[in-house]
Amino acid sequence: MSSSEVACTLAALILHDDGIPITAEKIATLVKAANIKVEAYWPGLFAKLLEGRSVDDLILSVGSGKSSSLPLSSSSCSLVLSVLEEAKEESDDDMGFSLFD
């Protein structure tokens, strides 16, 4: 997964957590504020993916095995899960150790 995808995913989660509508412009603004360069199409793709979907349901259903209530493909769920896993691994790397090593 590219750093552009990770940055846009985390920006979308930040917007959601703050109760701010997830739009391409707001994702791009957050990513730019973090001084991360992403290809111009990524914020729009993420905003379109999340348009009309419940981010809470998406987050809660990733590991549940029941995705029939969500209009997301298994690859979309896999994308979010892998981003969360990668972010966790990166935070462990920042500390110089991992609890599971």
Protein backbone atom coordinates (compact mmCIF):
# COMPACT_ATOMS: atom_id res chain seq x y z
CA MET A 1 0.00 0.00 0.00
CA SER A 2 1.34 3.40 -0.93
CA SER A 3 1.87 6.26 1.48
CA SER A 4 -0.76 8.20 -0.51
CA GLU A 5 -3.39 5.58 0.31
CA VAL A 6 -2.41 5.50 3.98
CA ALA A 7 -2.46 9.30 4.22
CA CYS A 8 -5.89 9.57 2.61
CA THR A 9 -7.31 6.77 4.74
CA LEU A 10 -6.07 8.34 7.95
CA ALA A 11 -7.31 11.78 6.85
CA ALA A 12 -10.77 10.31 6.20
CA LEU A 13 -10.75 8.69 9.65
CA ILE A 14 -9.75 12.00 11.26
CA LEU A 15 -12.56 13.82 9.48
CA HIS A 16 -15.04 11.14 10.51
CA ASP A 17 -13.85 11.21 14.11
CA ASP A 18 -14.36 14.99 14.23
CA GLY A 19 -17.83 14.70 12.68
CA ILE A 20 -16.78 16.58 9.55
CA PRO A 21 -18.19 15.47 6.19
CA ILE A 22 -15.58 13.52 4.22
CA THR A 23 -14.90 15.31 0.94
CA ALA A 24 -12.00 15.24 -1.48
CA GLU A 25 -11.16 18.85 -0.64
CA LYS A 26 -11.04 18.20 3.10
CA ILE A 27 -8.95 15.05 2.69
CA ALA A 28 -6.54 16.99 0.47
CA THR A 29 -6.36 19.83 3.01
CA LEU A 30 -5.48 17.47 5.87
CA VAL A 31 -2.89 15.62 3.81
CA LYS A 32 -1.31 18.91 2.71
CA ALA A 33 -1.29 20.18 6.32
CA ALA A 34 0.60 17.01 7.28
CA ASN A 35 3.14 17.89 4.58
CA ILE A 36 2.52 14.64 2.70
CA LYS A 37 2.51 14.64 -1.08
CA VAL A 38 -0.17 12.50 -2.71
CA GLU A 39 -1.26 12.09 -6.28
CA ALA A 40 -4.18 14.44 -7.00
CA TYR A 41 -6.68 11.63 -7.69
CA TRP A 42 -6.40 9.87 -4.28
CA PRO A 43 -8.51 12.26 -2.16
CA GLY A 44 -11.35 12.09 -4.70
CA LEU A 45 -11.25 8.30 -4.84
CA PHE A 46 -11.42 7.99 -1.06
CA ALA A 47 -14.22 10.54 -0.79
CA LYS A 48 -16.20 8.73 -3.49
CA LEU A 49 -15.63 5.35 -1.80
CA LEU A 50 -17.02 6.64 1.49
CA GLU A 51 -19.85 8.69 0.00
CA GLY A 52 -23.17 7.58 1.46
CA ARG A 53 -21.59 4.86 3.60
CA SER A 54 -21.38 4.59 7.35
CA VAL A 55 -17.72 4.74 8.34
CA ASP A 56 -18.65 3.39 11.80
CA ASP A 57 -20.27 0.33 10.23
CA LEU A 58 -17.30 -0.12 7.93
CA ILE A 59 -14.84 -0.03 10.80
CA LEU A 60 -16.89 -2.33 13.02
CA SER A 61 -17.62 -4.90 10.32
CA VAL A 62 -14.10 -5.36 8.93
CA GLY A 63 -13.28 -8.36 11.10
CA SER A 64 -16.82 -9.62 11.72
CA GLY A 65 -17.20 -11.66 8.55
CA LYS A 66 -20.64 -10.21 7.84
CA SER A 67 -20.39 -7.67 5.08
CA SER A 68 -23.80 -8.21 3.51
CA SER A 69 -25.23 -5.15 5.26
CA LEU A 70 -22.56 -2.91 3.75
CA PRO A 71 -22.44 -1.90 0.10
CA LEU A 72 -18.67 -2.38 0.09
CA SER A 73 -16.72 -5.04 -1.69
CA SER A 74 -14.45 -7.37 0.21
CA SER A 75 -11.49 -5.62 -1.40
CA SER A 76 -12.64 -2.31 0.12
CA CYS A 77 -12.84 -3.89 3.55
CA SER A 78 -9.44 -5.47 3.00
CA LEU A 79 -8.04 -2.07 2.05
CA VAL A 80 -9.23 -0.47 5.29
CA LEU A 81 -8.03 -3.42 7.38
CA SER A 82 -4.58 -3.39 5.77
CA VAL A 83 -4.28 0.38 6.32
CA LEU A 84 -5.09 -0.03 9.98
CA GLU A 85 -2.62 -2.91 10.30
CA GLU A 86 0.10 -0.93 8.52
CA ALA A 87 -0.50 2.11 10.72
CA LYS A 88 -0.18 -0.09 13.82
CA GLU A 89 3.06 -1.62 12.53
CA GLU A 90 4.47 1.82 11.73
CA SER A 91 3.67 3.08 15.22
CA ASP A 92 5.48 0.04 16.68
CA ASP A 93 8.44 0.76 14.38
CA ASP A 94 8.56 4.37 15.59
CA MET A 95 9.19 3.11 19.12
CA GLY A 96 12.02 0.89 17.96
CA PHE A 97 10.39 -2.34 19.08
CA SER A 98 7.30 -4.43 18.64
CA LEU A 99 5.40 -6.17 21.39
CA PHE A 100 5.11 -9.25 19.19
CA ASP A 101 8.79 -9.68 18.24
